[in-house]
N, C-alpha and C. Protein backbone atom coordinates (compact mmCIF):
# COMPACT_ATOMS: atom_id res chain seq x y z
N MET A 1 0.84 -1.23 0.03
CA MET A 1 0.06 0.07 -0.01
C MET A 1 0.74 1.25 -0.01
N ASN A 2 1.97 1.08 0.74
CA ASN A 2 2.79 2.19 0.93
C ASN A 2 3.30 2.65 -0.64
N LEU A 3 3.95 1.57 -1.33
CA LEU A 3 4.39 1.92 -2.70
C LEU A 3 3.53 2.41 -3.57
N LEU A 4 2.05 1.82 -3.49
CA LEU A 4 1.22 2.48 -4.24
C LEU A 4 0.99 4.07 -4.12
N MET A 5 0.90 4.22 -2.91
CA MET A 5 0.63 5.72 -2.45
C MET A 5 1.71 6.52 -2.90
N ALA A 6 3.14 5.96 -2.74
CA ALA A 6 4.13 6.72 -3.25
C ALA A 6 4.27 7.16 -4.77
N LEU A 7 3.96 5.81 -5.43
CA LEU A 7 4.09 6.03 -7.10
C LEU A 7 2.81 6.92 -7.25
N GLY A 8 1.69 7.06 -6.75
CA GLY A 8 0.51 7.70 -7.11
C GLY A 8 0.97 9.34 -6.71
N ILE A 9 1.68 9.55 -5.43
CA ILE A 9 2.17 10.91 -5.22
C ILE A 9 3.23 11.48 -6.17
N GLY A 10 4.08 10.55 -6.62
CA GLY A 10 5.08 10.74 -7.59
C GLY A 10 4.51 11.17 -8.99
N THR A 11 3.63 10.29 -9.45
CA THR A 11 2.96 10.44 -10.57
C THR A 11 2.24 12.00 -10.84
N LEU A 12 1.40 12.17 -9.66
CA LEU A 12 0.58 13.35 -9.51
C LEU A 12 1.61 14.72 -9.68
N THR A 13 2.70 14.54 -8.79
CA THR A 13 3.78 15.64 -8.76
C THR A 13 4.47 15.91 -10.22
N GLY A 14 4.81 14.67 -10.87
CA GLY A 14 5.50 14.67 -12.04
C GLY A 14 4.51 15.43 -13.15
N CYS A 15 3.41 14.91 -13.21
CA CYS A 15 2.39 15.35 -14.15
C CYS A 15 2.20 16.78 -13.93
N GLY A 16 1.94 17.27 -12.57
CA GLY A 16 1.56 18.56 -12.04
C GLY A 16 2.90 19.47 -12.85
N VAL A 17 4.12 19.20 -12.35
CA VAL A 17 5.24 19.77 -12.88
C VAL A 17 5.31 20.10 -14.22
N TRP A 18 5.09 19.15 -14.95
CA TRP A 18 5.28 19.12 -16.59
C TRP A 18 4.23 19.92 -17.19
N LEU A 19 3.07 20.04 -16.37
CA LEU A 19 1.81 20.93 -17.00
C LEU A 19 2.31 22.23 -16.66
N LEU A 20 2.82 22.55 -15.49
CA LEU A 20 3.34 24.03 -15.02
C LEU A 20 4.34 24.52 -16.05
N LEU A 21 5.02 23.80 -16.49
CA LEU A 21 6.18 24.20 -17.32
C LEU A 21 5.82 24.42 -18.82
N ARG A 22 4.52 24.11 -19.06
CA ARG A 22 3.99 24.33 -20.33
C ARG A 22 3.52 25.83 -20.55
N ALA A 23 3.45 26.46 -21.70
CA ALA A 23 3.10 27.76 -21.67
C ALA A 23 1.80 28.37 -22.20
N ARG A 24 0.68 27.54 -21.60
CA ARG A 24 -0.46 27.79 -21.78
C ARG A 24 -1.26 27.92 -20.40
N THR A 25 -2.22 28.78 -20.08
CA THR A 25 -2.88 29.18 -19.05
C THR A 25 -3.59 28.09 -18.32
N PHE A 26 -4.49 27.37 -19.26
CA PHE A 26 -5.08 26.25 -18.89
C PHE A 26 -4.22 25.12 -18.30
N ASP A 27 -3.00 24.88 -19.02
CA ASP A 27 -2.30 23.87 -18.38
C ASP A 27 -1.64 24.19 -17.23
N ALA A 28 -1.38 25.29 -16.93
CA ALA A 28 -0.95 25.89 -15.78
C ALA A 28 -1.75 25.60 -14.45
N VAL A 29 -3.18 26.00 -14.84
CA VAL A 29 -4.17 25.53 -13.95
C VAL A 29 -4.50 24.28 -13.35
N LEU A 30 -4.26 23.34 -14.51
CA LEU A 30 -4.35 21.90 -14.21
C LEU A 30 -3.18 21.45 -13.52
N GLY A 31 -2.12 22.03 -13.96
CA GLY A 31 -0.78 21.55 -13.05
C GLY A 31 -0.87 21.94 -11.67
N LEU A 32 -1.38 23.01 -11.47
CA LEU A 32 -1.44 23.60 -9.93
C LEU A 32 -2.66 22.62 -8.98
N THR A 33 -3.43 22.26 -9.81
CA THR A 33 -4.61 21.60 -9.35
C THR A 33 -3.99 20.07 -9.08
N LEU A 34 -3.10 19.48 -10.06
CA LEU A 34 -2.56 18.07 -9.94
C LEU A 34 -1.52 18.20 -8.51
N LEU A 35 -0.82 19.24 -8.52
CA LEU A 35 0.02 19.49 -7.30
C LEU A 35 -0.57 19.51 -6.01
N SER A 36 -1.66 20.29 -6.00
CA SER A 36 -2.43 20.35 -4.59
C SER A 36 -3.23 19.06 -4.37
N TYR A 37 -3.40 18.19 -5.27
CA TYR A 37 -3.86 16.77 -5.07
C TYR A 37 -2.70 16.00 -4.37
N ALA A 38 -1.63 16.32 -5.07
CA ALA A 38 -0.49 15.40 -4.58
C ALA A 38 0.04 15.84 -3.24
N VAL A 39 -0.02 17.10 -3.10
CA VAL A 39 0.04 17.68 -1.59
C VAL A 39 -0.81 17.13 -0.51
N ASN A 40 -2.07 17.12 -0.93
CA ASN A 40 -3.16 16.64 0.08
C ASN A 40 -2.90 15.07 0.32
N LEU A 41 -2.45 14.16 -0.76
CA LEU A 41 -2.23 12.79 -0.48
C LEU A 41 -0.82 12.72 0.38
N PHE A 42 -0.05 13.58 0.26
CA PHE A 42 1.42 13.44 1.04
C PHE A 42 0.85 13.70 2.56
N ILE A 43 0.18 14.87 2.55
CA ILE A 43 -0.25 15.30 4.02
C ILE A 43 -1.05 14.16 4.58
N PHE A 44 -1.91 13.57 3.93
CA PHE A 44 -2.73 12.29 4.41
C PHE A 44 -1.95 11.16 4.55
N GLY A 45 -0.98 11.03 3.85
CA GLY A 45 -0.12 9.84 4.13
C GLY A 45 0.70 9.97 5.37
N MET A 46 1.08 11.30 5.97
CA MET A 46 1.58 11.41 7.13
C MET A 46 1.23 10.93 8.21
N GLY A 47 -0.41 10.62 8.32
CA GLY A 47 -1.04 10.32 9.31
C GLY A 47 -0.59 8.66 9.44
N ARG A 48 -1.02 7.99 10.53
CA ARG A 48 -0.93 6.73 10.42
C ARG A 48 -2.09 6.01 9.68
N TRP A 49 -1.40 4.83 9.23
CA TRP A 49 -2.45 4.00 8.01
C TRP A 49 -3.05 2.96 9.27
N LYS A 50 -4.17 3.32 9.66
CA LYS A 50 -4.99 2.32 10.52
C LYS A 50 -6.43 2.44 9.91
N THR A 51 -6.91 1.12 9.72
CA THR A 51 -8.25 0.98 9.13
C THR A 51 -9.14 0.75 10.06
N GLY A 52 -10.28 1.27 10.09
CA GLY A 52 -11.21 1.01 11.36
C GLY A 52 -10.84 1.68 12.75
N ALA A 53 -9.75 2.31 12.83
CA ALA A 53 -9.37 2.78 14.28
C ALA A 53 -10.02 4.21 14.40
N PRO A 54 -10.35 4.33 15.87
CA PRO A 54 -11.01 5.48 16.25
C PRO A 54 -10.07 6.72 16.05
N PRO A 55 -10.33 7.75 15.59
CA PRO A 55 -9.55 8.90 15.56
C PRO A 55 -9.30 9.55 16.88
N ILE A 56 -10.16 9.26 18.00
CA ILE A 56 -9.89 10.05 19.28
C ILE A 56 -9.82 9.04 20.30
N LEU A 57 -8.84 9.13 21.18
CA LEU A 57 -8.64 8.04 22.34
C LEU A 57 -9.74 8.32 23.33
N GLY A 58 -10.31 7.10 23.57
CA GLY A 58 -11.57 7.40 24.26
C GLY A 58 -11.28 6.98 25.83
N SER A 59 -12.14 6.44 26.56
CA SER A 59 -11.92 6.16 28.05
C SER A 59 -11.82 4.52 28.06
N SER A 60 -12.04 3.90 26.99
CA SER A 60 -12.07 2.36 27.17
C SER A 60 -10.64 2.04 27.38
N SER A 61 -10.48 0.80 27.97
CA SER A 61 -9.00 0.39 28.42
C SER A 61 -8.54 -0.19 26.98
N THR A 62 -9.14 -0.57 26.25
CA THR A 62 -8.68 -1.32 24.94
C THR A 62 -8.11 -0.33 24.03
N ALA A 63 -8.61 0.92 24.32
CA ALA A 63 -8.10 1.89 23.10
C ALA A 63 -6.62 2.64 23.54
N THR A 64 -5.78 2.21 23.04
CA THR A 64 -4.44 2.65 23.30
C THR A 64 -3.91 3.94 22.19
N LEU A 65 -2.93 4.35 22.46
CA LEU A 65 -2.53 5.34 21.60
C LEU A 65 -2.01 4.79 20.08
N GLN A 66 -1.64 3.47 20.15
CA GLN A 66 -1.24 2.44 19.18
C GLN A 66 -2.34 2.13 18.19
N ASN A 67 -3.42 2.09 18.77
CA ASN A 67 -4.79 1.68 18.09
C ASN A 67 -5.54 2.97 17.53
N THR A 68 -5.03 4.07 17.65
CA THR A 68 -5.80 5.45 17.24
C THR A 68 -5.06 5.71 15.99
N THR A 69 -5.78 6.63 15.30
CA THR A 69 -5.25 7.26 14.15
C THR A 69 -5.23 8.88 14.53
N ASP A 70 -4.27 9.41 13.75
CA ASP A 70 -4.19 10.92 14.13
C ASP A 70 -5.13 11.89 13.02
N PRO A 71 -5.95 12.47 13.94
CA PRO A 71 -7.00 13.42 13.07
C PRO A 71 -6.56 14.77 12.59
N LEU A 72 -5.30 14.92 12.81
CA LEU A 72 -4.73 16.21 12.40
C LEU A 72 -4.61 16.13 10.98
N PRO A 73 -3.98 15.16 10.30
CA PRO A 73 -3.85 15.26 8.85
C PRO A 73 -5.12 15.34 7.99
N GLN A 74 -6.11 14.69 8.71
CA GLN A 74 -7.46 14.73 8.18
C GLN A 74 -7.94 16.17 8.13
N ALA A 75 -7.77 16.72 9.01
CA ALA A 75 -8.36 18.17 9.24
C ALA A 75 -7.51 19.08 8.38
N LEU A 76 -6.08 19.02 8.08
CA LEU A 76 -5.41 19.87 7.39
C LEU A 76 -5.83 19.53 5.89
N VAL A 77 -6.06 18.27 5.36
CA VAL A 77 -6.40 17.98 4.07
C VAL A 77 -7.71 18.54 3.64
N LEU A 78 -8.71 18.46 4.71
CA LEU A 78 -10.06 19.15 4.30
C LEU A 78 -9.72 20.71 4.29
N THR A 79 -9.21 21.33 4.97
CA THR A 79 -8.94 22.81 4.96
C THR A 79 -8.14 23.06 3.74
N ALA A 80 -7.36 22.17 3.18
CA ALA A 80 -6.33 22.39 2.00
C ALA A 80 -7.39 22.05 0.54
N ILE A 81 -8.22 21.19 0.74
CA ILE A 81 -9.35 21.26 -0.28
C ILE A 81 -10.19 22.46 -0.62
N VAL A 82 -10.55 23.07 0.47
CA VAL A 82 -11.36 24.11 0.32
C VAL A 82 -10.47 25.16 -0.37
N ILE A 83 -9.21 25.41 0.24
CA ILE A 83 -8.43 26.49 -0.22
C ILE A 83 -8.04 26.19 -1.68
N SER A 84 -7.93 24.95 -2.12
CA SER A 84 -7.29 24.79 -3.61
C SER A 84 -8.50 24.93 -4.24
N PHE A 85 -9.80 24.74 -3.97
CA PHE A 85 -11.01 24.88 -4.85
C PHE A 85 -11.14 26.33 -5.04
N ALA A 86 -11.04 27.06 -4.17
CA ALA A 86 -11.13 28.47 -4.42
C ALA A 86 -9.85 28.98 -5.17
N MET A 87 -8.68 28.54 -4.98
CA MET A 87 -7.46 28.82 -5.76
C MET A 87 -7.83 28.64 -7.10
N THR A 88 -8.43 27.40 -7.53
CA THR A 88 -8.61 27.09 -8.64
C THR A 88 -9.63 27.88 -9.36
N ALA A 89 -10.65 28.33 -8.54
CA ALA A 89 -11.86 29.05 -9.39
C ALA A 89 -11.17 30.41 -9.46
N LEU A 90 -10.44 30.93 -8.85
CA LEU A 90 -9.89 32.28 -8.97
C LEU A 90 -8.59 32.31 -10.40
N LEU A 91 -7.97 31.24 -10.32
CA LEU A 91 -7.14 30.95 -11.59
C LEU A 91 -7.87 30.85 -12.95
N LEU A 92 -8.98 29.97 -12.75
CA LEU A 92 -9.79 29.96 -13.99
C LEU A 92 -10.28 31.33 -14.49
N ALA A 93 -10.84 32.03 -13.47
CA ALA A 93 -11.32 33.34 -13.75
C ALA A 93 -10.35 34.16 -14.56
N LEU A 94 -9.22 34.27 -13.91
CA LEU A 94 -8.12 35.02 -14.21
C LEU A 94 -7.83 34.55 -15.78
N ALA A 95 -7.67 33.24 -15.89
CA ALA A 95 -7.36 32.66 -17.29
C ALA A 95 -8.49 32.91 -18.37
N LEU A 96 -9.74 32.98 -17.90
CA LEU A 96 -10.59 33.37 -18.81
C LEU A 96 -10.75 34.95 -19.21
N ARG A 97 -10.41 35.56 -18.49
CA ARG A 97 -10.35 37.17 -18.60
C ARG A 97 -9.18 37.58 -19.28
N THR A 98 -8.05 36.78 -19.01
CA THR A 98 -6.90 37.06 -20.11
C THR A 98 -7.05 36.47 -21.39
N HIS A 99 -7.56 35.31 -21.78
CA HIS A 99 -8.07 34.97 -23.04
C HIS A 99 -8.82 36.10 -23.61
N ALA A 100 -9.73 36.50 -22.94
CA ALA A 100 -10.79 37.42 -23.58
C ALA A 100 -10.26 38.59 -23.93
N ALA A 101 -9.12 39.11 -23.08
CA ALA A 101 -8.50 40.43 -23.42
C ALA A 101 -7.50 40.16 -24.52
N THR A 102 -6.65 38.98 -24.58
CA THR A 102 -5.58 38.95 -25.67
C THR A 102 -6.15 38.05 -26.62
N GLY A 103 -6.94 37.21 -26.61
CA GLY A 103 -7.51 36.33 -27.69
C GLY A 103 -6.30 35.23 -27.90
N SER A 104 -5.63 34.85 -26.83
CA SER A 104 -4.64 33.85 -26.70
C SER A 104 -4.52 33.19 -25.47
N ASP A 105 -4.28 32.12 -25.44
CA ASP A 105 -4.29 31.11 -24.25
C ASP A 105 -2.71 30.99 -23.85
N HIS A 106 -1.87 31.65 -24.60
CA HIS A 106 -0.29 31.50 -24.06
C HIS A 106 -0.03 32.43 -23.02
N VAL A 107 0.82 32.11 -21.99
CA VAL A 107 0.84 32.99 -20.88
C VAL A 107 1.30 34.16 -21.21
N ASP A 108 2.21 34.69 -22.10
CA ASP A 108 2.63 35.95 -22.49
C ASP A 108 1.71 36.70 -23.40
N GLY A 109 0.62 36.09 -23.89
CA GLY A 109 -0.42 36.72 -24.81
C GLY A 109 -0.15 36.53 -26.13
N ASP A 110 1.10 36.40 -26.55
CA ASP A 110 1.57 36.11 -27.88
C ASP A 110 1.75 34.62 -28.44
N GLU A 111 1.27 34.24 -29.46
CA GLU A 111 1.52 32.80 -29.89
C GLU A 111 2.93 32.54 -30.40
N PRO A 112 3.57 31.80 -30.10
CA PRO A 112 4.98 31.40 -30.57
C PRO A 112 4.84 31.42 -32.05
N LYS A 113 5.96 32.06 -32.89
CA LYS A 113 6.19 31.93 -34.31
C LYS A 113 6.55 30.74 -35.02
């Protein structure tokens, strides 16, 4: 499972960086979105991998610190999802406005010759 998660994070990061290096505004928006997904998975992966474990240590004698999962990465990822959604909406609005003003999707407004 750890190898699959590492491969997924690496693939998302690589594709996001590749899209960011392209000279189109829509590709840059998609690249930033993929990078935010990779960071969310990375933060979520930093918590303990426990299936069916309670996130909060209760008063029962069977619940120990080793049998609980960390709720902090989950809260950080939920916050990051909301922020990345707002950032993506802002970037798309700016990209559409730039395309309407310049008539081009290229980042500097001029098509390469």
